[in-house]
Amino acid sequence: MNTRIRRIAGTVAAAAVLPLALSACSDSGSDSTKADSSAKASTEASASPSDEAMAGSGSTASADQPFGPACSAVPKSGAGSFDGMAQDPVATAASNNPALSTLVAAVKKAGLVDTLNNAQDITVFAPTNDAFAKIPKATLDKVLNDKAQLTKILTYHVVGQKLTPEDLENGSFATLEKSKLTTSGSGESYTVNDSAKVVCGNVKTANANVYIIDSVLMPTS
């Protein structure tokens, strides 16, 4: 009788333990699934910023864009805009920019329109109207009426190769006038001959890179 009671008690105990064991196994599997899900979410979260960074790495501003405070005055559309100037040779492109009207008049007086328009791969340092206004009127009038002197000054503003902003960081370049000019600076701040500041740089025309400057350059020779 006692033996039978012990067997029944053992069976009841086993029956009671079994659900607990199954429950424990079920909870363990659930925790494992949750852990797997958490790990996956963590991996996706950590990968997301990297993916965004990769996507953003190709969207930085182009180094070929014009820069400088005076660039804001350039028309947004039409022949005088950056896109419009890029379609024309340099003398023609300059004629469409109102801020360069004095320079254009000087180029015409010197008979250099065709020379500049037909040249290939050049850089022009283009003084603004305000740059010419710094020269005393009597002196400017005298220069404008002396074709040889005017040609000498204007060709001193032209380099026979296309210069990038990086080229200007610490450069010395032969001009069409035959003497040299120097450049220095970095980022979006450059000077020519330690005096003239680039106020709108890296402007593209069909045959030239243009750097608009705030002073007229004078050859030393």
Protein backbone atom coordinates (compact mmCIF):
# COMPACT_ATOMS: atom_id res chain seq x y z
CA MET A 1 0.00 0.00 0.00
CA ASN A 2 2.78 2.42 0.96
CA THR A 3 4.66 1.56 -2.22
CA ARG A 4 1.61 2.34 -4.33
CA ILE A 5 1.11 5.70 -2.58
CA ARG A 6 4.76 6.64 -3.24
CA ARG A 7 4.36 5.78 -6.95
CA ILE A 8 1.25 7.96 -7.25
CA ALA A 9 2.97 10.81 -5.42
CA GLY A 10 5.97 10.52 -7.77
CA THR A 11 3.74 10.63 -10.81
CA VAL A 12 1.93 13.74 -9.50
CA ALA A 13 5.23 15.47 -8.78
CA ALA A 14 6.52 14.68 -12.26
CA ALA A 15 3.32 15.98 -13.79
CA ALA A 16 3.71 19.18 -11.78
CA VAL A 17 7.35 19.66 -12.80
CA LEU A 18 6.80 19.04 -16.55
CA PRO A 19 4.77 22.22 -17.28
CA LEU A 20 7.36 24.26 -15.39
CA ALA A 21 10.14 22.73 -17.47
CA LEU A 22 8.26 23.36 -20.71
CA SER A 23 7.54 26.91 -19.62
CA ALA A 24 11.20 27.47 -18.88
CA CYS A 25 12.18 26.13 -22.29
CA SER A 26 9.59 28.35 -23.94
CA ASP A 27 10.82 31.46 -22.07
CA SER A 28 14.42 30.62 -22.96
CA GLY A 29 13.51 30.35 -26.65
CA SER A 30 11.63 33.63 -26.45
CA ASP A 31 14.59 35.34 -24.80
CA SER A 32 16.86 33.92 -27.49
CA THR A 33 14.57 35.25 -30.21
CA LYS A 34 14.41 38.63 -28.49
CA ALA A 35 18.18 38.68 -28.16
CA ASP A 36 18.55 37.84 -31.85
CA SER A 37 16.08 40.60 -32.74
CA SER A 38 17.85 43.10 -30.49
CA ALA A 39 21.23 42.22 -31.97
CA LYS A 40 19.86 42.62 -35.48
CA ALA A 41 18.29 45.98 -34.62
CA SER A 42 21.53 47.09 -33.02
CA THR A 43 23.49 46.05 -36.10
CA GLU A 44 21.08 47.88 -38.40
CA ALA A 45 21.18 50.98 -36.21
CA SER A 46 24.97 51.04 -36.16
CA ALA A 47 25.13 50.51 -39.92
CA SER A 48 22.63 53.26 -40.68
CA PRO A 49 24.86 56.28 -39.91
CA SER A 50 27.65 54.70 -41.94
CA ASP A 51 25.31 54.22 -44.86
CA GLU A 52 24.18 57.85 -44.59
CA ALA A 53 27.77 59.02 -44.39
CA MET A 54 28.63 57.03 -47.51
CA ALA A 55 25.66 58.52 -49.32
CA GLY A 56 26.59 62.02 -48.17
CA SER A 57 30.23 61.70 -49.13
CA GLY A 58 29.36 62.16 -52.77
CA SER A 59 27.23 65.26 -52.24
CA THR A 60 29.89 67.78 -51.22
CA ALA A 61 30.11 71.08 -53.02
CA SER A 62 31.98 70.95 -56.30
CA ALA A 63 35.47 72.41 -56.35
CA ASP A 64 34.69 73.83 -59.81
CA GLN A 65 32.16 76.33 -58.47
CA PRO A 66 32.90 80.09 -58.48
CA PHE A 67 33.62 81.59 -55.06
CA GLY A 68 34.01 85.00 -53.44
CA PRO A 69 31.84 87.85 -52.15
CA ALA A 70 31.38 89.53 -55.54
CA CYS A 71 29.95 86.36 -57.09
CA SER A 72 26.57 87.17 -55.53
CA ALA A 73 26.24 90.15 -57.90
CA VAL A 74 26.50 87.96 -61.00
CA PRO A 75 23.12 87.47 -62.73
CA LYS A 76 21.42 84.15 -62.03
CA SER A 77 20.51 83.59 -65.66
CA GLY A 78 21.23 84.89 -69.14
CA ALA A 79 24.47 85.60 -71.00
CA GLY A 80 26.02 87.31 -67.97
CA SER A 81 25.37 84.43 -65.60
CA PHE A 82 28.00 81.82 -64.76
CA ASP A 83 26.31 79.32 -67.09
CA GLY A 84 26.05 81.94 -69.83
CA MET A 85 29.68 83.03 -69.51
CA ALA A 86 30.81 79.42 -69.75
CA GLN A 87 29.38 79.28 -73.29
CA ASP A 88 31.35 82.28 -74.64
CA PRO A 89 35.06 83.03 -75.15
CA VAL A 90 36.51 85.26 -72.46
CA ALA A 91 36.29 88.74 -74.04
CA THR A 92 32.69 88.13 -75.10
CA ALA A 93 31.82 86.67 -71.71
CA ALA A 94 33.30 89.70 -69.93
CA SER A 95 31.26 92.05 -72.11
CA ASN A 96 28.11 90.49 -70.65
CA ASN A 97 29.17 91.28 -67.07
CA PRO A 98 28.30 94.92 -66.14
CA ALA A 99 30.99 94.95 -63.40
CA LEU A 100 33.69 94.52 -66.07
CA SER A 101 32.57 97.22 -68.53
CA THR A 102 35.70 99.38 -68.05
CA LEU A 103 37.95 96.37 -68.66
CA VAL A 104 35.99 95.49 -71.79
CA ALA A 105 36.31 99.05 -73.08
CA ALA A 106 40.07 98.92 -72.49
CA VAL A 107 40.37 95.57 -74.27
CA LYS A 108 38.55 97.01 -77.27
CA LYS A 109 40.77 100.11 -77.32
CA ALA A 110 43.87 97.89 -77.28
CA GLY A 111 42.51 95.73 -80.09
CA LEU A 112 42.77 92.58 -77.96
CA VAL A 113 39.24 91.19 -78.33
CA ASP A 114 40.14 88.63 -81.00
CA THR A 115 43.45 87.81 -79.31
CA LEU A 116 41.69 86.89 -76.06
CA ASN A 117 38.74 85.17 -77.70
CA ASN A 118 40.94 83.00 -79.91
CA ALA A 119 43.45 82.03 -77.22
CA GLN A 120 43.18 78.57 -75.73
CA ASP A 121 43.44 77.52 -72.07
CA ILE A 122 44.31 80.85 -70.49
CA THR A 123 43.66 82.54 -67.16
CA VAL A 124 42.50 86.16 -66.97
CA PHE A 125 42.73 88.27 -63.83
CA ALA A 126 39.93 90.70 -64.53
CA PRO A 127 39.81 94.03 -62.66
CA THR A 128 36.37 95.34 -61.79
CA ASN A 129 35.10 98.82 -62.64
CA ASP A 130 35.86 99.79 -59.03
CA ALA A 131 39.44 98.60 -59.52
CA PHE A 132 39.91 100.99 -62.45
CA ALA A 133 38.23 103.75 -60.42
CA LYS A 134 41.11 103.57 -57.93
CA ILE A 135 43.42 104.95 -60.63
CA PRO A 136 43.40 108.76 -60.84
CA LYS A 137 41.24 109.80 -63.80
CA ALA A 138 44.02 111.72 -65.53
CA THR A 139 46.34 108.72 -65.30
CA LEU A 140 43.65 106.31 -66.51
CA ASP A 141 42.74 108.54 -69.45
CA LYS A 142 46.39 108.75 -70.43
CA VAL A 143 46.79 104.96 -70.33
CA LEU A 144 43.58 104.38 -72.28
CA ASN A 145 44.90 106.63 -75.03
CA ASP A 146 48.33 104.99 -75.18
CA LYS A 147 47.73 101.74 -77.05
CA ALA A 148 51.21 100.31 -76.40
CA GLN A 149 51.06 101.00 -72.67
CA LEU A 150 47.47 99.79 -72.44
CA THR A 151 48.35 96.56 -74.25
CA LYS A 152 51.27 96.02 -71.88
CA ILE A 153 49.04 96.43 -68.80
CA LEU A 154 46.20 94.28 -70.12
CA THR A 155 48.40 91.41 -71.27
CA TYR A 156 50.02 91.43 -67.82
CA HIS A 157 46.64 90.24 -66.52
CA VAL A 158 46.71 87.11 -68.71
CA VAL A 159 48.52 83.83 -67.96
CA GLY A 160 48.97 81.28 -70.74
CA GLN A 161 47.49 78.34 -68.84
CA LYS A 162 44.32 77.55 -66.94
CA LEU A 163 44.93 78.03 -63.22
CA THR A 164 42.87 76.29 -60.54
CA PRO A 165 42.39 77.76 -57.05
CA GLU A 166 44.97 75.24 -55.79
CA ASP A 167 47.49 76.64 -58.28
CA LEU A 168 47.07 80.07 -56.70
CA GLU A 169 48.06 78.98 -53.18
CA ASN A 170 51.72 79.82 -53.72
CA GLY A 171 52.32 80.52 -57.38
CA SER A 172 54.49 82.47 -59.78
CA PHE A 173 53.34 82.62 -63.39
CA ALA A 174 54.62 84.11 -66.63
CA THR A 175 52.12 86.47 -68.25
CA LEU A 176 51.49 87.27 -71.90
CA GLU A 177 53.26 90.56 -71.23
CA LYS A 178 56.36 88.38 -70.52
CA SER A 179 56.98 89.34 -66.89
CA LYS A 180 55.67 87.36 -63.89
CA LEU A 181 52.90 87.81 -61.36
CA THR A 182 52.61 86.00 -58.03
CA THR A 183 49.63 84.57 -56.18
CA SER A 184 49.04 83.38 -52.65
CA GLY A 185 46.23 82.29 -50.35
CA SER A 186 44.03 79.30 -49.62
CA GLY A 187 40.41 78.21 -49.41
CA GLU A 188 38.41 81.09 -50.87
CA SER A 189 40.87 83.89 -50.07
CA TYR A 190 43.57 84.74 -52.61
CA THR A 191 45.69 87.75 -53.54
CA VAL A 192 47.69 88.61 -56.63
CA ASN A 193 51.04 90.39 -56.25
CA ASP A 194 50.26 90.71 -52.52
CA SER A 195 47.82 93.52 -53.29
CA ALA A 196 44.87 92.68 -55.52
CA LYS A 197 42.23 90.49 -53.88
CA VAL A 198 40.23 87.89 -55.76
CA VAL A 199 36.60 88.90 -55.20
CA CYS A 200 35.01 86.28 -57.46
CA GLY A 201 37.21 83.40 -58.51
CA ASN A 202 37.15 80.29 -60.65
CA VAL A 203 34.69 81.70 -63.19
CA LYS A 204 34.61 79.56 -66.33
CA THR A 205 34.41 80.78 -69.90
CA ALA A 206 34.70 78.74 -73.08
CA ASN A 207 38.47 79.23 -73.28
CA ALA A 208 39.60 80.65 -69.95
CA ASN A 209 39.42 80.60 -66.18
CA VAL A 210 38.67 84.06 -64.81
CA TYR A 211 39.53 85.53 -61.42
CA ILE A 212 37.85 88.88 -60.86
CA ILE A 213 40.09 91.17 -58.78
CA ASP A 214 39.66 94.47 -56.92
CA SER A 215 42.81 96.26 -58.22
CA VAL A 216 44.53 96.79 -61.55
CA LEU A 217 47.87 94.97 -61.80
CA MET A 218 50.86 96.95 -63.01
CA PRO A 219 53.84 95.22 -64.67
CA THR A 220 57.15 96.01 -63.00
CA SER A 221 59.22 96.10 -66.22
